[in-house]
Amino acid sequence: MESKLLKGLNEQYNFEIESGYIYISMAHHVKEKGMDGFAHFFYKQAHEEFEHAEKLRNFLFEIDEKPVLEGIKKPQEDFGNFTETFKTALEHEKEVTKRINKLVDLSVEENDHRVTSLLQWYVDEQVEEEDNFRTIIEKLERINEAWAGLYLYDSELGRR
């Protein structure tokens, strides 16, 4: 991997795996509070992140580049209340968006249309991800951490 772009794709591959790891930790955090629906949401989110990593891994192999695994740091374990947990998740998704946008810029700079095409899927995905988290946060703020509302919303998120 000689180019900045290919190195960046490999870094993003690893970051997607790390993202899944973070969402598993968030799932454990809310599961410990007895909220199985919230946990289900975050486990599904982790699964999606691993799928995003798999898409990058497969692409790297398709263009004859070997993906290289890096170390994954231990995620935090306490994310505060439910609203704070989802706000942390939204900030993480904003970081993913920033990284994807940087890769798109590099793909244009390096005139690599293969990568630009691939990354458009991630750009669109990030719009959806951020919107989903903002919507959940808005609902949680309306609930204001009231257990009755949280239990109802837990049931809704469990159907994801």
Protein backbone atom coordinates (compact mmCIF):
# COMPACT_ATOMS: atom_id res chain seq x y z
CA MET A 1 0.00 0.00 0.00
CA GLU A 2 1.94 2.89 -1.32
CA SER A 3 -0.64 5.64 -1.77
CA LYS A 4 -2.17 7.74 1.00
CA LEU A 5 -5.56 6.69 -0.28
CA LEU A 6 -4.95 2.95 -0.01
CA LYS A 7 -3.43 3.41 3.44
CA GLY A 8 -6.51 5.46 4.35
CA LEU A 9 -8.83 2.70 3.12
CA ASN A 10 -7.00 0.20 5.30
CA GLU A 11 -7.25 2.56 8.28
CA GLN A 12 -10.98 2.94 7.62
CA TYR A 13 -11.32 -0.84 7.41
CA ASN A 14 -9.84 -1.07 10.89
CA PHE A 15 -11.90 1.88 12.15
CA GLU A 16 -15.11 0.17 11.04
CA ILE A 17 -14.11 -2.90 13.08
CA GLU A 18 -13.31 -0.62 16.03
CA SER A 19 -16.71 1.04 15.58
CA GLY A 20 -18.39 -2.34 15.93
CA TYR A 21 -16.40 -2.94 19.08
CA ILE A 22 -17.56 0.42 20.49
CA TYR A 23 -21.20 -0.39 19.73
CA ILE A 24 -20.87 -3.75 21.46
CA SER A 25 -19.60 -1.90 24.52
CA MET A 26 -22.60 0.45 24.32
CA ALA A 27 -24.88 -2.60 24.05
CA HIS A 28 -23.32 -4.03 27.20
CA HIS A 29 -23.76 -0.68 28.95
CA VAL A 30 -27.51 -0.49 28.27
CA LYS A 31 -28.07 -4.25 28.72
CA GLU A 32 -26.65 -3.98 32.22
CA LYS A 33 -29.41 -1.43 32.91
CA GLY A 34 -32.00 -4.01 31.87
CA MET A 35 -32.82 -2.48 28.51
CA ASP A 36 -32.78 -5.36 26.06
CA GLY A 37 -34.27 -3.31 23.19
CA PHE A 38 -31.56 -0.67 23.46
CA ALA A 39 -28.97 -3.44 23.61
CA HIS A 40 -30.50 -5.11 20.54
CA PHE A 41 -30.23 -1.79 18.68
CA PHE A 42 -26.53 -1.46 19.50
CA TYR A 43 -25.76 -5.12 18.71
CA LYS A 44 -27.40 -4.59 15.30
CA GLN A 45 -25.39 -1.40 14.89
CA ALA A 46 -22.19 -3.32 15.66
CA HIS A 47 -23.15 -5.93 13.07
CA GLU A 48 -23.62 -3.17 10.47
CA GLU A 49 -20.18 -1.76 11.24
CA PHE A 50 -18.63 -5.19 10.72
CA GLU A 51 -20.47 -5.39 7.39
CA HIS A 52 -19.01 -1.99 6.45
CA ALA A 53 -15.55 -3.32 7.30
CA GLU A 54 -16.20 -6.45 5.24
CA LYS A 55 -17.16 -4.31 2.23
CA LEU A 56 -13.83 -2.45 2.51
CA ARG A 57 -11.90 -5.69 3.03
CA ASN A 58 -13.45 -7.27 -0.05
CA PHE A 59 -12.76 -4.16 -2.12
CA LEU A 60 -9.11 -4.10 -1.07
CA PHE A 61 -8.70 -7.72 -2.14
CA GLU A 62 -10.51 -6.99 -5.43
CA ILE A 63 -7.95 -4.32 -6.28
CA ASP A 64 -5.09 -6.63 -5.24
CA GLU A 65 -4.33 -4.96 -1.92
CA LYS A 66 -4.01 -7.03 1.22
CA PRO A 67 -5.90 -5.53 4.20
CA VAL A 68 -3.76 -5.26 7.31
CA LEU A 69 -5.31 -5.62 10.74
CA GLU A 70 -4.27 -3.17 13.41
CA GLY A 71 -4.71 -3.25 17.18
CA ILE A 72 -8.09 -2.22 18.55
CA LYS A 73 -8.09 -0.14 21.69
CA LYS A 74 -10.37 -1.05 24.55
CA PRO A 75 -13.58 0.98 24.32
CA GLN A 76 -14.99 2.92 27.23
CA GLU A 77 -17.50 1.00 29.35
CA ASP A 78 -19.68 3.72 30.89
CA PHE A 79 -21.56 6.03 28.55
CA GLY A 80 -23.79 7.79 31.08
CA ASN A 81 -27.56 7.84 30.75
CA PHE A 82 -29.41 6.66 27.64
CA THR A 83 -29.46 10.06 25.95
CA GLU A 84 -25.75 10.55 26.62
CA THR A 85 -25.02 7.11 25.20
CA PHE A 86 -26.75 7.96 21.93
CA LYS A 87 -25.09 11.39 21.82
CA THR A 88 -21.73 9.64 22.11
CA ALA A 89 -22.78 7.33 19.27
CA LEU A 90 -23.77 10.33 17.13
CA GLU A 91 -20.39 11.99 17.75
CA HIS A 92 -18.72 8.74 16.73
CA GLU A 93 -20.74 8.66 13.50
CA LYS A 94 -19.72 12.27 12.81
CA GLU A 95 -16.09 11.14 13.12
CA VAL A 96 -16.77 8.32 10.66
CA THR A 97 -18.32 10.86 8.26
CA LYS A 98 -15.28 13.11 8.57
CA ARG A 99 -12.96 10.20 7.79
CA ILE A 100 -15.04 9.07 4.80
CA ASN A 101 -15.12 12.61 3.42
CA LYS A 102 -11.35 12.83 3.75
CA LEU A 103 -11.03 9.57 1.81
CA VAL A 104 -13.33 10.90 -0.92
CA ASP A 105 -11.12 13.99 -1.18
CA LEU A 106 -8.05 11.76 -1.47
CA SER A 107 -9.72 9.59 -4.12
CA VAL A 108 -10.40 12.69 -6.20
CA GLU A 109 -6.89 14.02 -5.60
CA GLU A 110 -5.37 10.67 -6.64
CA ASN A 111 -7.87 10.39 -9.50
CA ASP A 112 -8.91 6.88 -8.40
CA HIS A 113 -12.43 6.45 -9.74
CA ARG A 114 -12.70 2.91 -8.36
CA VAL A 115 -12.38 4.21 -4.83
CA THR A 116 -14.55 7.26 -5.46
CA SER A 117 -17.33 4.95 -6.64
CA LEU A 118 -16.99 2.70 -3.59
CA LEU A 119 -16.92 5.61 -1.17
CA GLN A 120 -20.13 7.13 -2.48
CA TRP A 121 -21.97 4.25 -0.83
CA TYR A 122 -20.33 5.17 2.49
CA VAL A 123 -21.18 8.87 2.04
CA ASP A 124 -24.86 7.96 1.58
CA GLU A 125 -24.74 5.53 4.49
CA GLN A 126 -23.35 8.20 6.82
CA VAL A 127 -26.20 10.58 6.00
CA GLU A 128 -28.60 7.83 7.10
CA GLU A 129 -26.58 6.93 10.21
CA GLU A 130 -26.37 10.47 11.52
CA ASP A 131 -30.05 11.09 10.81
CA ASN A 132 -31.05 7.91 12.69
CA PHE A 133 -29.06 8.88 15.76
CA ARG A 134 -30.36 12.47 15.74
CA THR A 135 -33.93 11.14 15.58
CA ILE A 136 -33.35 8.77 18.49
CA ILE A 137 -31.72 11.53 20.55
CA GLU A 138 -34.68 13.83 19.89
CA LYS A 139 -37.08 11.16 21.17
CA LEU A 140 -34.91 10.44 24.20
CA GLU A 141 -34.74 14.14 25.05
CA ARG A 142 -38.54 14.29 24.94
CA ILE A 143 -38.73 11.25 27.22
CA ASN A 144 -36.27 13.03 29.54
CA GLU A 145 -34.97 9.74 31.00
CA ALA A 146 -38.43 8.94 32.46
CA TRP A 147 -38.55 5.17 32.94
CA ALA A 148 -42.08 4.77 31.57
CA GLY A 149 -41.04 6.37 28.28
CA LEU A 150 -37.72 4.54 28.24
CA TYR A 151 -39.45 1.18 28.60
CA LEU A 152 -41.79 1.97 25.72
CA TYR A 153 -38.91 3.15 23.54
CA ASP A 154 -36.86 0.10 24.57
CA SER A 155 -39.62 -2.03 23.08
CA GLU A 156 -39.57 -0.01 19.84
CA LEU A 157 -35.79 -0.22 19.46
CA GLY A 158 -35.96 -3.97 20.12
CA ARG A 159 -37.91 -4.35 16.87
CA ARG A 160 -35.11 -2.90 14.74
